[in-house]
Protein backbone atom coordinates (compact mmCIF):
# COMPACT_ATOMS: atom_id res chain seq x y z
CA MET A 1 15.85 112.64 -13.02
CA LYS A 2 17.96 115.22 -14.84
CA LYS A 3 20.99 114.04 -13.07
CA ASN A 4 20.49 110.44 -14.16
CA TYR A 5 19.85 111.54 -17.80
CA SER A 6 23.16 113.55 -17.73
CA LEU A 7 25.05 110.52 -16.48
CA PHE A 8 23.58 108.41 -19.21
CA ILE A 9 24.69 110.84 -21.92
CA ILE A 10 28.20 110.98 -20.43
CA SER A 11 28.31 107.16 -20.39
CA LEU A 12 27.30 106.94 -24.01
CA ILE A 13 30.03 109.41 -25.05
CA ALA A 14 32.70 107.58 -23.06
CA THR A 15 31.56 104.20 -24.62
CA PHE A 16 31.94 105.70 -28.11
CA LEU A 17 35.33 107.28 -27.41
CA PHE A 18 36.88 104.11 -26.07
CA SER A 19 35.42 101.89 -28.88
CA VAL A 20 37.56 103.79 -31.40
CA VAL A 21 41.08 102.30 -31.40
CA CYS A 22 43.78 104.72 -32.52
CA LEU A 23 47.10 103.14 -33.58
CA ALA A 24 50.13 105.26 -34.41
CA SER A 25 53.86 105.01 -34.65
CA SER A 26 56.01 107.64 -33.02
CA ASP A 27 56.41 111.04 -34.69
CA ASN A 28 58.35 111.33 -37.93
CA ASN A 29 58.17 107.67 -38.77
CA VAL A 30 58.86 107.14 -42.48
CA TYR A 31 58.28 103.94 -44.36
CA GLU A 32 59.70 103.22 -47.77
CA GLY A 33 57.67 102.30 -50.85
CA LYS A 34 58.00 102.55 -54.59
CA ILE A 35 56.40 104.68 -57.32
CA ARG A 36 56.15 104.30 -61.08
CA ASP A 37 54.70 106.27 -63.97
CA GLY A 38 51.33 104.90 -64.89
CA ILE A 39 49.79 101.46 -64.76
CA PRO A 40 51.55 98.97 -67.11
CA GLU A 41 49.69 96.62 -69.33
CA LYS A 42 50.84 93.44 -67.53
CA MET A 43 50.89 92.81 -63.76
CA GLU A 44 54.48 91.56 -63.91
CA GLU A 45 55.64 94.76 -65.39
CA VAL A 46 54.62 96.81 -62.35
CA SER A 47 57.90 96.12 -60.62
CA THR A 48 59.92 97.78 -63.45
CA ASP A 49 61.01 101.47 -63.61
CA LEU A 50 60.52 102.07 -59.96
CA ASN A 51 61.52 105.13 -57.88
CA GLU A 52 61.43 105.81 -54.15
CA ALA A 53 58.21 106.82 -52.31
CA ILE A 54 57.46 107.21 -48.66
CA LEU A 55 54.55 106.83 -46.24
CA ARG A 56 54.90 109.28 -43.38
CA ASN A 57 53.35 109.11 -39.87
CA PRO A 58 50.51 106.62 -40.62
CA LEU A 59 47.68 106.88 -38.11
CA PHE A 60 45.04 104.12 -37.98
CA TYR A 61 41.55 104.43 -36.48
CA ILE A 62 39.47 101.19 -36.04
CA THR A 63 35.88 101.03 -35.00
CA ASP A 64 34.15 97.71 -35.29
CA ASN A 65 34.54 96.89 -38.97
CA SER A 66 35.41 100.42 -40.04
CA ILE A 67 38.95 101.78 -40.54
CA ARG A 68 40.57 105.02 -41.33
CA LEU A 69 44.15 105.77 -42.18
CA ASP A 70 45.61 109.33 -42.16
CA ALA A 71 49.10 109.84 -43.40
CA GLU A 72 51.27 111.66 -45.92
CA VAL A 73 52.56 110.09 -49.13
CA GLY A 74 55.78 111.24 -50.63
CA THR A 75 55.65 110.90 -54.36
CA GLY A 76 59.12 112.16 -55.02
CA GLU A 77 58.18 115.80 -55.60
CA SER A 78 56.01 116.59 -52.58
CA LEU A 79 54.18 115.22 -49.57
CA VAL A 80 50.51 114.56 -50.37
CA PRO A 81 48.03 114.16 -47.53
CA ILE A 82 45.81 110.99 -47.63
CA SER A 83 42.77 110.10 -45.53
CA LEU A 84 41.48 106.66 -46.32
CA SER A 85 38.13 105.43 -44.89
CA GLY A 86 36.57 102.06 -45.50
CA LYS A 87 35.12 98.78 -44.37
CA ILE A 88 37.05 95.69 -43.28
CA PHE A 89 36.16 92.29 -44.75
CA LYS A 90 37.47 88.81 -44.06
CA SER A 91 39.67 87.50 -46.82
CA GLN A 92 38.48 84.47 -48.73
CA GLN A 93 41.94 84.08 -50.10
CA TYR A 94 44.17 84.30 -47.09
CA LYS A 95 43.27 82.68 -43.82
CA GLY A 96 42.99 85.08 -40.88
CA SER A 97 43.54 88.08 -43.16
CA TYR A 98 41.49 91.16 -44.22
CA THR A 99 40.62 93.04 -47.42
CA ILE A 100 39.61 96.74 -47.01
CA LYS A 101 37.27 98.53 -49.42
CA ALA A 102 38.34 102.18 -49.02
CA ILE A 103 38.25 105.56 -50.64
CA ASP A 104 40.54 108.55 -50.18
CA ASP A 105 38.44 111.36 -48.65
CA SER A 106 41.12 113.87 -49.59
CA ASN A 107 40.55 113.02 -53.31
CA HIS A 108 44.22 112.67 -54.10
CA PHE A 109 44.38 108.90 -54.69
CA GLU A 110 42.42 105.98 -56.00
CA VAL A 111 42.78 102.94 -53.69
CA MET A 112 43.78 100.00 -55.91
CA ASN A 113 44.36 97.59 -53.08
CA PHE A 114 44.27 97.72 -49.31
CA GLN A 115 44.93 94.49 -47.43
CA ILE A 116 46.34 93.18 -44.12
CA ILE A 117 47.61 89.69 -44.76
CA LYS A 118 49.21 87.04 -42.51
CA LYS A 119 52.31 85.25 -43.70
CA LEU A 120 52.44 86.65 -47.19
CA LEU A 121 54.82 84.76 -49.47
CA PRO A 122 57.67 86.76 -51.09
CA GLU A 123 56.51 85.83 -54.62
CA GLU A 124 53.13 87.36 -53.84
CA LEU A 125 54.62 90.80 -53.47
CA LEU A 126 54.94 93.32 -56.22
CA ILE A 127 58.18 94.89 -54.95
CA PRO A 128 61.01 92.42 -55.65
CA ASP A 129 63.30 93.58 -52.84
CA ASN A 130 61.11 92.06 -50.14
CA THR A 131 62.09 88.53 -49.36
CA ARG A 132 60.51 87.72 -45.98
CA MET A 133 57.38 85.71 -45.34
CA THR A 134 55.66 87.89 -42.80
CA SER A 135 52.41 89.59 -41.91
CA THR A 136 52.17 92.54 -44.23
CA LEU A 137 50.17 95.74 -44.93
CA LEU A 138 49.60 96.06 -48.67
CA LEU A 139 48.63 99.53 -49.90
CA TYR A 140 48.60 100.24 -53.65
CA LEU A 141 47.44 103.72 -54.77
CA LYS A 142 46.94 105.56 -58.02
CA GLU A 143 47.58 109.27 -57.86
CA LEU A 144 44.69 110.97 -59.58
CA SER A 145 46.51 114.08 -60.74
CA THR A 146 49.41 112.25 -62.38
CA GLY A 147 48.33 108.63 -62.84
CA LYS A 148 51.37 107.40 -61.01
CA VAL A 149 51.13 104.21 -59.03
CA VAL A 150 52.41 104.12 -55.48
CA LEU A 151 53.23 100.76 -53.86
CA PHE A 152 53.62 100.08 -50.14
CA GLU A 153 54.34 96.58 -48.80
CA LEU A 154 55.04 97.06 -45.16
CA PRO A 155 55.75 94.28 -42.64
CA LEU A 156 53.66 94.87 -39.50
CA GLU A 157 56.65 94.40 -37.35
CA ASP A 158 58.26 97.34 -38.92
CA LEU A 159 55.10 99.50 -38.38
CA GLN A 160 55.14 98.40 -34.77
CA ILE A 161 51.37 98.31 -34.90
CA ASP A 162 49.30 95.28 -33.93
CA LEU A 163 46.53 95.62 -36.48
CA PHE A 164 45.48 91.97 -36.08
CA GLY A 165 45.15 92.36 -32.35
CA GLU A 166 42.86 95.40 -32.66
CA ILE A 167 40.50 94.05 -35.32
CA GLU A 168 37.73 91.94 -33.72
CA GLU A 169 37.49 89.00 -36.15
CA ASP A 170 34.18 87.76 -34.89
CA ILE A 171 32.32 90.91 -36.04
CA ILE A 172 34.00 91.22 -39.43
CA PRO A 173 31.84 90.10 -42.42
CA GLY A 174 33.18 88.10 -45.31
CA LEU A 175 33.41 89.32 -48.94
CA SER A 176 30.18 88.42 -50.81
CA ASP A 177 32.06 87.86 -54.08
CA PRO A 178 35.68 86.42 -54.17
CA VAL A 179 36.29 88.27 -57.47
CA GLU A 180 36.34 91.53 -55.47
CA GLU A 181 39.39 90.47 -53.68
CA HIS A 182 41.33 89.87 -56.96
CA TRP A 183 41.94 93.59 -57.32
CA TRP A 184 44.37 93.21 -60.20
CA LEU A 185 41.65 92.10 -62.56
CA ASN A 186 40.49 95.76 -62.78
CA TYR A 187 43.85 97.11 -63.79
CA PHE A 188 46.05 94.67 -65.77
CA SER A 189 45.68 92.71 -68.94
CA PRO A 190 46.35 89.07 -68.22
CA SER A 191 49.35 87.31 -69.55
CA SER A 192 47.28 84.68 -71.34
CA ALA A 193 47.69 81.70 -73.58
CA ALA A 194 45.01 79.99 -75.60
CA ILE A 195 45.42 76.29 -76.33
CA ILE A 196 43.37 74.69 -79.11
CA GLU A 197 42.82 71.04 -78.61
CA PRO A 198 42.68 68.60 -81.55
CA ARG A 199 39.56 69.40 -83.51
CA ALA A 200 37.03 66.73 -84.39
CA VAL A 201 34.59 67.05 -87.27
CA GLY A 202 32.02 69.66 -86.38
CA ALA A 203 33.58 70.57 -83.03
CA ALA A 204 36.35 72.69 -81.55
CA THR A 205 37.57 73.20 -77.98
CA ARG A 206 39.52 76.14 -76.69
CA VAL A 207 41.17 76.39 -73.24
CA VAL A 208 41.63 80.07 -72.34
CA THR A 209 44.29 80.50 -69.60
CA SER A 210 44.87 83.81 -67.86
CA TYR A 211 47.90 84.36 -65.64
CA HIS A 212 48.37 87.05 -62.97
CA GLY A 213 51.55 86.38 -61.09
CA VAL A 214 50.94 83.26 -58.91
CA TYR A 215 47.29 83.19 -60.03
CA ARG A 216 46.03 81.16 -63.03
CA TYR A 217 42.54 80.98 -64.27
CA THR A 218 41.22 78.64 -66.98
CA MET A 219 38.00 78.41 -68.90
CA THR A 220 37.28 75.55 -71.32
CA ILE A 221 34.93 76.42 -74.09
CA LYS A 222 33.47 74.06 -76.68
CA LEU A 223 31.87 74.82 -80.06
CA ASN A 224 29.62 72.19 -81.79
CA VAL A 225 27.92 72.37 -85.09
CA GLU A 226 25.80 69.54 -86.51
CA ALA A 227 23.48 68.85 -89.47
CA LYS A 228 20.72 66.22 -89.30
CA ASN A 229 19.16 64.90 -92.38
CA TYR A 230 15.52 63.77 -92.03
CA PRO A 231 12.89 62.36 -94.39
CA SER A 232 10.42 64.89 -95.73
CA SER A 233 7.57 64.88 -98.16
CA ASN A 234 9.13 68.08 -99.52
CA ILE A 235 12.70 67.29 -100.39
CA SER A 236 13.41 71.02 -100.41
CA PHE A 237 13.27 71.02 -96.55
CA GLY A 238 15.37 67.97 -95.69
CA THR A 239 18.02 69.25 -93.35
CA SER A 240 18.11 70.95 -89.87
CA MET A 241 21.25 72.44 -88.47
CA ALA A 242 22.35 73.58 -85.02
CA SER A 243 25.37 75.12 -83.36
CA ASN A 244 26.18 75.82 -79.71
CA LEU A 245 28.99 77.54 -77.78
CA THR A 246 29.26 76.11 -74.27
CA VAL A 247 31.25 76.78 -71.16
CA VAL A 248 32.56 73.33 -70.16
CA SER A 249 34.35 74.24 -66.94
CA GLN A 250 36.45 76.76 -64.96
CA THR A 251 39.39 76.14 -62.67
CA TYR A 252 41.52 78.35 -60.50
CA TYR A 253 45.18 77.75 -59.38
CA TYR A 254 47.15 79.55 -56.80
CA ASN A 255 50.92 79.16 -56.81
CA ASN A 256 50.36 76.15 -59.17
CA THR A 257 48.03 74.49 -56.61
CA TYR A 258 44.55 73.58 -57.73
CA GLN A 259 41.96 75.54 -55.79
CA GLY A 260 38.83 74.02 -57.28
CA ASN A 261 36.27 75.44 -59.65
CA GLY A 262 35.46 79.14 -59.57
CA ASP A 263 33.49 81.34 -61.89
CA TYR A 264 36.10 84.06 -62.40
CA LEU A 265 36.00 84.36 -66.25
CA SER A 266 33.04 85.32 -68.42
CA ILE A 267 32.27 85.38 -72.13
CA TYR A 268 31.07 88.84 -73.32
CA ASN A 269 29.93 90.55 -76.50
CA CYS A 270 29.44 87.39 -78.54
CA ILE A 271 28.49 87.54 -82.26
CA GLY A 272 27.27 84.15 -83.53
CA GLU A 273 27.22 83.32 -87.23
CA MET A 274 26.14 80.33 -89.31
CA ALA A 275 26.72 80.08 -93.07
CA LEU A 276 25.97 77.52 -95.82
CA ASN A 277 28.93 76.80 -98.09
CA GLY A 278 29.54 75.46 -101.53
CA SER A 279 25.92 75.33 -102.70
CA LYS A 280 22.97 77.41 -103.73
CA ASP A 281 20.97 76.34 -100.68
CA TYR A 282 19.35 78.99 -98.57
CA ILE A 283 17.72 79.45 -95.16
CA PHE A 284 14.01 79.82 -94.40
CA THR A 285 13.62 79.68 -90.66
CA GLY A 286 15.67 79.30 -87.53
CA GLY A 287 16.16 80.46 -83.94
CA PHE A 288 18.72 81.48 -81.36
CA GLY A 289 19.05 81.78 -77.63
CA SER A 290 21.16 81.37 -74.56
CA LYS A 291 21.28 79.35 -71.32
CA SER A 292 22.68 81.20 -68.34
CA THR A 293 22.58 80.47 -64.69
CA GLU A 294 22.61 84.11 -63.82
CA THR A 295 19.78 85.75 -65.66
CA SER A 296 17.29 84.93 -68.44
CA GLY A 297 17.02 86.58 -71.83
CA GLY A 298 19.77 88.99 -72.70
CA PHE A 299 19.36 89.61 -76.37
CA VAL A 300 19.31 93.32 -77.38
CA ALA A 301 18.74 95.10 -80.58
CA SER A 302 21.90 96.45 -82.15
CA ALA A 303 23.05 98.18 -85.33
CA SER A 304 23.93 96.24 -88.49
CA PHE A 305 27.33 94.61 -88.64
CA ASN A 306 29.61 94.59 -91.71
CA ILE A 307 31.30 91.50 -92.69
CA SER A 308 33.43 90.49 -95.65
CA LEU A 309 32.62 87.55 -97.95
CA GLY A 310 35.75 85.81 -96.70
CA ALA A 311 34.89 85.90 -93.05
CA PHE A 312 35.59 82.20 -92.50
CA GLY A 313 38.74 82.10 -94.62
CA MET A 314 36.99 80.20 -97.35
CA SER A 315 34.57 80.80 -100.19
CA ILE A 316 31.12 81.35 -98.73
CA ALA A 317 27.90 81.83 -100.55
CA TRP A 318 26.63 84.82 -98.64
CA SER A 319 24.48 87.05 -100.73
CA PRO A 320 23.15 88.81 -98.75
CA TYR A 321 23.59 88.10 -95.06
CA GLU A 322 21.12 89.03 -92.35
CA THR A 323 21.78 90.54 -88.94
CA VAL A 324 18.96 89.27 -86.64
CA THR A 325 18.34 91.48 -83.63
CA ASN A 326 14.80 90.73 -82.67
CA LEU A 327 14.16 89.73 -79.11
CA SER A 328 11.91 86.74 -79.92
CA GLY A 329 14.88 84.48 -80.64
CA SER A 330 13.65 83.38 -84.03
CA PHE A 331 13.87 84.40 -87.62
CA ASN A 332 12.04 83.76 -90.88
CA PHE A 333 13.36 84.63 -94.32
CA ALA A 334 10.43 83.39 -96.39
CA GLY A 335 10.11 86.75 -98.04
CA LYS A 336 13.79 87.30 -98.88
CA ASN A 337 13.74 86.02 -102.48
CA ASN A 338 15.41 82.76 -101.62
CA SER A 339 18.73 84.45 -101.16
CA VAL A 340 19.74 84.21 -97.52
CA ASN A 341 22.35 81.65 -96.78
CA GLY A 342 23.91 83.06 -93.70
CA VAL A 343 22.83 84.67 -90.43
CA GLN A 344 24.71 86.87 -87.91
CA ILE A 345 23.27 87.28 -84.47
CA PRO A 346 24.49 89.39 -81.43
CA LEU A 347 24.29 87.34 -78.31
CA ARG A 348 24.68 89.75 -75.33
CA GLN A 349 24.07 87.73 -72.20
CA PRO A 350 27.44 86.86 -70.59
CA LEU A 351 28.28 83.23 -70.06
CA THR A 352 30.10 82.31 -66.87
CA ALA A 353 29.12 78.98 -65.18
CA ALA A 354 29.67 75.47 -66.48
CA ASN A 355 27.01 74.50 -69.04
CA ASP A 356 26.12 78.14 -69.85
CA SER A 357 25.71 78.31 -73.63
CA TYR A 358 24.58 80.15 -76.77
CA TYR A 359 22.86 78.37 -79.65
CA ILE A 360 21.74 79.10 -83.21
CA ASN A 361 19.51 76.77 -85.15
CA LEU A 362 18.70 76.66 -88.87
CA ASP A 363 15.46 74.75 -88.74
CA ASN A 364 14.42 74.83 -92.46
CA VAL A 365 17.06 74.91 -95.16
CA TYR A 366 16.14 74.76 -98.81
CA ARG A 367 18.34 72.27 -100.69
CA ASN A 368 18.73 73.57 -104.18
CA SER A 369 18.96 70.62 -106.62
CA SER A 370 21.05 72.63 -109.06
CA GLY A 371 23.79 73.24 -106.52
CA GLY A 372 26.73 70.85 -106.87
CA GLY A 373 29.74 69.97 -104.86
CA VAL A 374 29.99 69.12 -101.12
CA ARG A 375 27.52 70.95 -98.96
CA SER A 376 28.78 72.20 -95.52
CA VAL A 377 27.69 74.52 -92.78
CA THR A 378 30.11 76.65 -90.71
CA ALA A 379 29.48 78.10 -87.33
CA LYS A 380 31.64 81.03 -86.17
CA TYR A 381 31.49 82.64 -82.70
CA SER A 382 33.50 85.77 -81.96
CA PHE A 383 33.57 86.94 -78.37
CA ASP A 384 35.58 88.58 -75.58
CA VAL A 385 36.83 86.81 -72.40
CA GLY A 386 37.28 88.90 -69.23
CA TYR A 387 36.85 88.66 -65.47
CA GLN A 388 33.37 88.49 -64.12
CA GLY A 389 32.20 91.79 -62.76
CA ALA A 390 35.54 93.44 -63.35
CA SER A 391 36.14 96.52 -65.53
CA GLY A 392 39.62 95.55 -66.67
CA PRO A 393 40.72 94.56 -70.19
CA ARG A 394 39.21 91.75 -72.16
CA GLU A 395 40.75 89.53 -74.79
CA SER A 396 39.04 88.66 -78.13
CA PHE A 397 38.74 85.20 -79.55
CA VAL A 398 37.14 83.54 -82.57
CA MET A 399 36.05 79.90 -82.80
CA THR A 400 34.82 78.09 -85.92
CA ALA A 401 33.67 74.62 -86.73
CA THR A 402 32.33 73.04 -89.94
CA THR A 403 30.38 69.95 -90.79
CA ASN A 404 29.08 68.46 -94.05
CA TYR A 405 25.53 67.69 -94.94
CA GLN A 406 23.67 65.96 -97.72
């Protein structure tokens, strides 16, 4: 019995040892890369001001969907040891390719990107000297002590290592969120353009387009404001008003080829405002809210906001304004001495998917008979647009729309 138990233990150890694949080049193999000082603002700027870097004696260990890479990185001043460990995932972006989520156990580098990609196009590389379309190991690192960025784009044929042959594709899981594979969203500001389409009365549409090299993301956002007159026994309350900011659609292009809809961009940190213009009318009651496919609610209390009287670029009767932060989604200014003709509301729930929206309603508006001139209501939404789930930079936008009422 003891003999059989010993044989069983030996068998387990042997199975474990032979399930770990070790891949290495011959001694003193050195592979060239590039290094630059710091992360630039734009992705296309990363290929400027480059100096030489090296990756020396890379040694790969692969076990199921786990991988480890031990090597030395030459940053121009010294050789720094690196020991990356992580999990392998199937790429959703490149057929038959892999994305690796890894950390540096030596605590010398932050892993910005680690991928093994088949038939990578030359324009998809960050280092401009590479012109071949070939299977490539991409390894982008940020040195923690200096902030320098180290870039390695190494053809597998130069490494003389068959990484694809040693990874068992059938046991590799896919990435749960495609945004995770777009690593650049966490580091670079997009080269973006905002296109304002022709504005109709009471509506405005903005197409936010963000570019990252051969990747292009668009989000179409529409703002509507309307005022409805309705008969009332009390002529003082004869108008209701509403505004909404809505995500119309999102699209994603790769190398100018349409890839379909994808929820890559999100609207964050929105401040919604509605103001009555050119009259002595004032607000009694109203409400606000959001529609989101991800979660419900999302309104949070926040500190007061300061705003100038010319916030909309026109003369606004705003004396005083109110910042509404209650979680109920409604407001009542009956006790405010008939002086509130504008509201400002923080809307904190991000909007991502098509038809996600914010809204603000002015349900009861007092129409002061002594007020002359054209009556109008303006909606203004200020917000940031960034990439869903990413910690990278966001861009700020403002949309306004105005409509008249009687």
